[in-house]
Amino acid sequence: MILVDSNLCKGCDICIITCPKNVFAKSENVNKKNVYVPYAANEEACTKCGLCELSCPDQAVYVDHGVK
């Protein structure tokens, strides 16, 4: 599961740019900051590499790595 916290996201699109599997797409809806928040449009392609989490300057992206 990949979550983007719309309250934290500022719409920089770094997660879209850094994802090697093109998992993210820009939403058609704006958040309360009036930005288009990315979402996991192609989540099945995700390899859980974590680049999106690591590159997000606002810690708005969460990838469930399945570790318990």
Protein backbone atom coordinates (compact mmCIF):
# COMPACT_ATOMS: atom_id res chain seq x y z
CA MET A 1 0.00 0.00 0.00
CA ILE A 2 1.21 3.49 -0.88
CA LEU A 3 -0.27 6.53 0.79
CA VAL A 4 0.25 10.21 0.09
CA ASP A 5 -0.86 12.46 2.94
CA SER A 6 -2.74 15.27 1.22
CA ASN A 7 -2.37 17.45 4.32
CA LEU A 8 1.43 17.31 4.12
CA CYS A 9 1.94 17.24 0.35
CA LYS A 10 2.87 20.53 -1.32
CA GLY A 11 2.68 19.16 -4.86
CA CYS A 12 6.39 19.24 -5.70
CA ASP A 13 6.05 16.01 -7.75
CA ILE A 14 9.41 14.68 -6.59
CA CYS A 15 7.79 11.29 -5.94
CA ILE A 16 6.53 11.20 -9.53
CA ILE A 17 9.94 12.13 -10.90
CA THR A 18 12.02 9.76 -8.74
CA CYS A 19 9.87 6.64 -9.08
CA PRO A 20 11.64 4.25 -11.49
CA LYS A 21 8.42 2.30 -12.11
CA ASN A 22 6.11 5.26 -12.86
CA VAL A 23 3.78 4.36 -10.02
CA PHE A 24 2.54 7.89 -9.35
CA ALA A 25 0.24 10.19 -11.29
CA LYS A 26 -1.04 13.65 -10.49
CA SER A 27 -4.56 13.79 -9.10
CA GLU A 28 -7.26 15.77 -10.84
CA ASN A 29 -8.40 17.13 -7.47
CA VAL A 30 -6.68 19.78 -5.39
CA ASN A 31 -5.99 19.61 -1.66
CA LYS A 32 -6.55 22.41 0.87
CA LYS A 33 -3.25 23.98 -0.26
CA ASN A 34 -4.69 24.16 -3.79
CA VAL A 35 -2.15 21.70 -5.23
CA TYR A 36 -2.68 18.53 -7.23
CA VAL A 37 -1.58 15.72 -4.94
CA PRO A 38 0.05 12.67 -6.54
CA TYR A 39 -1.49 9.25 -6.00
CA ALA A 40 -0.45 5.66 -6.68
CA ALA A 41 -2.11 5.16 -10.07
CA ASN A 42 0.01 2.11 -10.92
CA GLU A 43 0.55 0.58 -7.48
CA GLU A 44 0.93 -2.98 -8.80
CA ALA A 45 4.19 -1.89 -10.50
CA CYS A 46 5.69 -0.77 -7.17
CA THR A 47 8.77 -2.70 -6.05
CA LYS A 48 8.76 -1.02 -2.62
CA CYS A 49 12.20 0.47 -3.24
CA GLY A 50 11.32 3.43 -1.01
CA LEU A 51 12.74 6.16 -3.25
CA CYS A 52 9.48 8.09 -3.08
CA GLU A 53 9.51 8.05 0.72
CA LEU A 54 13.16 9.03 0.94
CA SER A 55 12.91 11.82 -1.61
CA CYS A 56 9.76 13.47 -0.24
CA PRO A 57 10.86 16.67 1.52
CA ASP A 58 7.63 16.80 3.54
CA GLN A 59 7.43 13.13 4.55
CA ALA A 60 4.04 12.92 2.87
CA VAL A 61 4.62 9.55 1.19
CA TYR A 62 4.31 6.23 3.03
CA VAL A 63 5.06 2.83 1.52
CA ASP A 64 3.95 -0.25 3.46
CA HIS A 65 6.98 -2.51 3.17
CA GLY A 66 5.11 -5.41 4.75
CA VAL A 67 7.56 -5.81 7.63
CA LYS A 68 5.93 -6.88 10.86
